[in-house]
Each structure stands twice: as structure tokens, then as C-alpha cells.
Amino acid sequence: MSQRRNHDPAFKARVALEALKGERTVSELSSMYGVHPTMIHQWKKALLEGAADIFERGSKKATPEFDEATVKELHAKIGELAVANDFLERKLKPWAGK
């Protein structure tokens, strides 16, 4: 059984753009790049759906927003787990040498 290949985004974009240009058929592109035609159709669709995001104003990348209550709650949980881990480490030391 063959392994799945992972193509980098630049390769996908290049193939999808060529498919959009229409100078070659999807079958020709498929044999030329060694990619299944279905993948080319999916990349082409993804390119068309994501093209509008390039032209959005004011934001290069969406930054995740976290509320402070959630952050404090997670820090408290980390502290609890660290204390429990230290406690168990101390209690299990006598058995570690066996």
C-alpha cells in the first residue's frame, strides 16, 4: 500500500491557479503533476472560497481572544495539578528504587 503524500501550500496554490486559468484540462494537470483530479478540484474550490480573505482590511491574521476569567481558571488548574504531581512524586520515591 502506498503512503499518502503531503503537498506544501505553494504547490497546491500553483496547481489550483493553473486549473483556474483553463489553459490545460484537469486531466492534463493531473498527469503532469502526478495528483488525482479530485484533489485538483478540491484545491481549486478552496482557492476560490478563500480568495476573499486576502482582501480583508485591517487584519493580517486573526488573533485568538481569551477572556481573563478563563485564563485565571486554567492557571489555577495548572497549579493544582503541579501540587498533586509533586505530592505523588514524593510519596512514590521509596518505591522507585525497586
C-alpha atoms as a PDB file:
ATOM      1  CA  MET A   1       0.000   0.000   0.000  1.00  0.00           C
ATOM      2  CA  SER A   2       1.369   3.435  -0.885  1.00  0.00           C
ATOM      3  CA  GLN A   3       1.754   6.278   1.572  1.00  0.00           C
ATOM      4  CA  ARG A   4      -0.232   9.468   1.292  1.00  0.00           C
ATOM      5  CA  ARG A   5       1.749  12.424   0.052  1.00  0.00           C
ATOM      6  CA  ASN A   6       1.523  15.804   1.705  1.00  0.00           C
ATOM      7  CA  HIS A   7       1.885  18.707  -0.684  1.00  0.00           C
ATOM      8  CA  ASP A   8       3.018  22.092   0.515  1.00  0.00           C
ATOM      9  CA  PRO A   9       0.609  25.029   0.206  1.00  0.00           C
ATOM     10  CA  ALA A  10       2.671  26.697  -2.533  1.00  0.00           C
ATOM     11  CA  PHE A  11       2.366  23.590  -4.725  1.00  0.00           C
ATOM     12  CA  LYS A  12      -1.389  23.398  -4.128  1.00  0.00           C
ATOM     13  CA  ALA A  13      -1.807  27.081  -4.965  1.00  0.00           C
ATOM     14  CA  ARG A  14       0.252  26.748  -8.166  1.00  0.00           C
ATOM     15  CA  VAL A  15      -1.783  23.761  -9.376  1.00  0.00           C
ATOM     16  CA  ALA A  16      -5.100  25.385  -8.423  1.00  0.00           C
ATOM     17  CA  LEU A  17      -4.165  28.593 -10.239  1.00  0.00           C
ATOM     18  CA  GLU A  18      -3.252  26.661 -13.356  1.00  0.00           C
ATOM     19  CA  ALA A  19      -6.609  24.893 -13.163  1.00  0.00           C
ATOM     20  CA  LEU A  20      -8.361  28.255 -12.848  1.00  0.00           C
ATOM     21  CA  LYS A  21      -6.522  29.669 -15.844  1.00  0.00           C
ATOM     22  CA  GLY A  22      -8.046  26.971 -18.015  1.00  0.00           C
ATOM     23  CA  GLU A  23      -5.061  26.663 -20.334  1.00  0.00           C
ATOM     24  CA  ARG A  24      -4.871  22.933 -19.598  1.00  0.00           C
ATOM     25  CA  THR A  25      -7.547  20.472 -18.581  1.00  0.00           C
ATOM     26  CA  VAL A  26      -7.661  18.991 -15.093  1.00  0.00           C
ATOM     27  CA  SER A  27      -6.708  15.634 -16.612  1.00  0.00           C
ATOM     28  CA  GLU A  28      -3.598  17.149 -18.167  1.00  0.00           C
ATOM     29  CA  LEU A  29      -2.653  18.842 -14.901  1.00  0.00           C
ATOM     30  CA  SER A  30      -3.263  15.605 -13.068  1.00  0.00           C
ATOM     31  CA  SER A  31      -0.855  13.637 -15.209  1.00  0.00           C
ATOM     32  CA  MET A  32       1.633  16.499 -15.322  1.00  0.00           C
ATOM     33  CA  TYR A  33       1.858  16.899 -11.527  1.00  0.00           C
ATOM     34  CA  GLY A  34       1.024  13.331 -10.518  1.00  0.00           C
ATOM     35  CA  VAL A  35      -2.023  14.355  -8.496  1.00  0.00           C
ATOM     36  CA  HIS A  36      -5.516  12.876  -8.608  1.00  0.00           C
ATOM     37  CA  PRO A  37      -8.028  15.098 -10.463  1.00  0.00           C
ATOM     38  CA  THR A  38     -10.312  15.161  -7.419  1.00  0.00           C
ATOM     39  CA  MET A  39      -7.549  16.802  -5.400  1.00  0.00           C
ATOM     40  CA  ILE A  40      -7.111  19.474  -8.043  1.00  0.00           C
ATOM     41  CA  HIS A  41     -10.840  20.211  -7.961  1.00  0.00           C
ATOM     42  CA  GLN A  42     -10.737  20.454  -4.139  1.00  0.00           C
ATOM     43  CA  TRP A  43      -7.729  22.809  -4.203  1.00  0.00           C
ATOM     44  CA  LYS A  44      -9.396  24.941  -6.866  1.00  0.00           C
ATOM     45  CA  LYS A  45     -12.575  25.172  -4.776  1.00  0.00           C
ATOM     46  CA  ALA A  46     -10.583  26.046  -1.634  1.00  0.00           C
ATOM     47  CA  LEU A  47      -8.715  28.757  -3.530  1.00  0.00           C
ATOM     48  CA  LEU A  48     -11.929  30.312  -4.782  1.00  0.00           C
ATOM     49  CA  GLU A  49     -13.546  30.194  -1.322  1.00  0.00           C
ATOM     50  CA  GLY A  50     -10.501  31.638   0.447  1.00  0.00           C
ATOM     51  CA  ALA A  51      -9.621  34.325  -2.078  1.00  0.00           C
ATOM     52  CA  ALA A  52     -11.849  36.938  -0.433  1.00  0.00           C
ATOM     53  CA  ASP A  53      -9.901  36.613   2.844  1.00  0.00           C
ATOM     54  CA  ILE A  54      -6.813  38.031   1.148  1.00  0.00           C
ATOM     55  CA  PHE A  55      -8.513  41.363   0.604  1.00  0.00           C
ATOM     56  CA  GLU A  56      -9.922  41.899   4.106  1.00  0.00           C
ATOM     57  CA  ARG A  57      -8.871  45.201   5.611  1.00  0.00           C
ATOM     58  CA  GLY A  58      -7.058  45.744   8.844  1.00  0.00           C
ATOM     59  CA  SER A  59      -6.104  42.240   9.833  1.00  0.00           C
ATOM     60  CA  LYS A  60      -3.279  40.078   8.657  1.00  0.00           C
ATOM     61  CA  LYS A  61      -4.160  37.131  10.853  1.00  0.00           C
ATOM     62  CA  ALA A  62      -6.966  36.590  13.279  1.00  0.00           C
ATOM     63  CA  THR A  63      -5.684  36.625  16.830  1.00  0.00           C
ATOM     64  CA  PRO A  64      -7.481  34.399  19.288  1.00  0.00           C
ATOM     65  CA  GLU A  65      -9.171  36.257  22.115  1.00  0.00           C
ATOM     66  CA  PHE A  66      -9.219  34.791  25.612  1.00  0.00           C
ATOM     67  CA  ASP A  67     -11.169  36.203  28.471  1.00  0.00           C
ATOM     68  CA  GLU A  68      -9.207  36.704  31.674  1.00  0.00           C
ATOM     69  CA  ALA A  69     -11.542  34.523  33.734  1.00  0.00           C
ATOM     70  CA  THR A  70     -10.743  31.504  31.581  1.00  0.00           C
ATOM     71  CA  VAL A  71      -7.016  32.209  31.757  1.00  0.00           C
ATOM     72  CA  LYS A  72      -7.125  32.523  35.565  1.00  0.00           C
ATOM     73  CA  GLU A  73      -9.151  29.313  35.824  1.00  0.00           C
ATOM     74  CA  LEU A  74      -6.648  27.431  33.677  1.00  0.00           C
ATOM     75  CA  HIS A  75      -3.695  28.792  35.663  1.00  0.00           C
ATOM     76  CA  ALA A  76      -5.380  27.644  38.886  1.00  0.00           C
ATOM     77  CA  LYS A  77      -5.898  24.171  37.427  1.00  0.00           C
ATOM     78  CA  ILE A  78      -2.242  24.008  36.371  1.00  0.00           C
ATOM     79  CA  GLY A  79      -1.240  24.932  39.921  1.00  0.00           C
ATOM     80  CA  GLU A  80      -3.450  22.216  41.394  1.00  0.00           C
ATOM     81  CA  LEU A  81      -2.023  19.612  39.050  1.00  0.00           C
ATOM     82  CA  ALA A  82       1.551  20.697  39.817  1.00  0.00           C
ATOM     83  CA  VAL A  83       0.931  20.348  43.575  1.00  0.00           C
ATOM     84  CA  ALA A  84      -0.648  16.920  43.107  1.00  0.00           C
ATOM     85  CA  ASN A  85       2.241  15.831  40.887  1.00  0.00           C
ATOM     86  CA  ASP A  86       4.820  16.963  43.474  1.00  0.00           C
ATOM     87  CA  PHE A  87       2.925  15.173  46.256  1.00  0.00           C
ATOM     88  CA  LEU A  88       2.773  11.915  44.331  1.00  0.00           C
ATOM     89  CA  GLU A  89       6.415  12.181  43.328  1.00  0.00           C
ATOM     90  CA  ARG A  90       7.442  12.499  46.995  1.00  0.00           C
ATOM     91  CA  LYS A  91       5.199   9.631  48.122  1.00  0.00           C
ATOM     92  CA  LEU A  92       6.380   7.276  45.369  1.00  0.00           C
ATOM     93  CA  LYS A  93      10.125   7.869  45.835  1.00  0.00           C
ATOM     94  CA  PRO A  94      10.575   4.946  48.282  1.00  0.00           C
ATOM     95  CA  TRP A  95       9.260   2.521  45.614  1.00  0.00           C
ATOM     96  CA  ALA A  96      11.239   3.996  42.732  1.00  0.00           C
ATOM     97  CA  GLY A  97      14.476   2.192  43.659  1.00  0.00           C
ATOM     98  CA  LYS A  98      12.977  -1.304  43.456  1.00  0.00           C
END
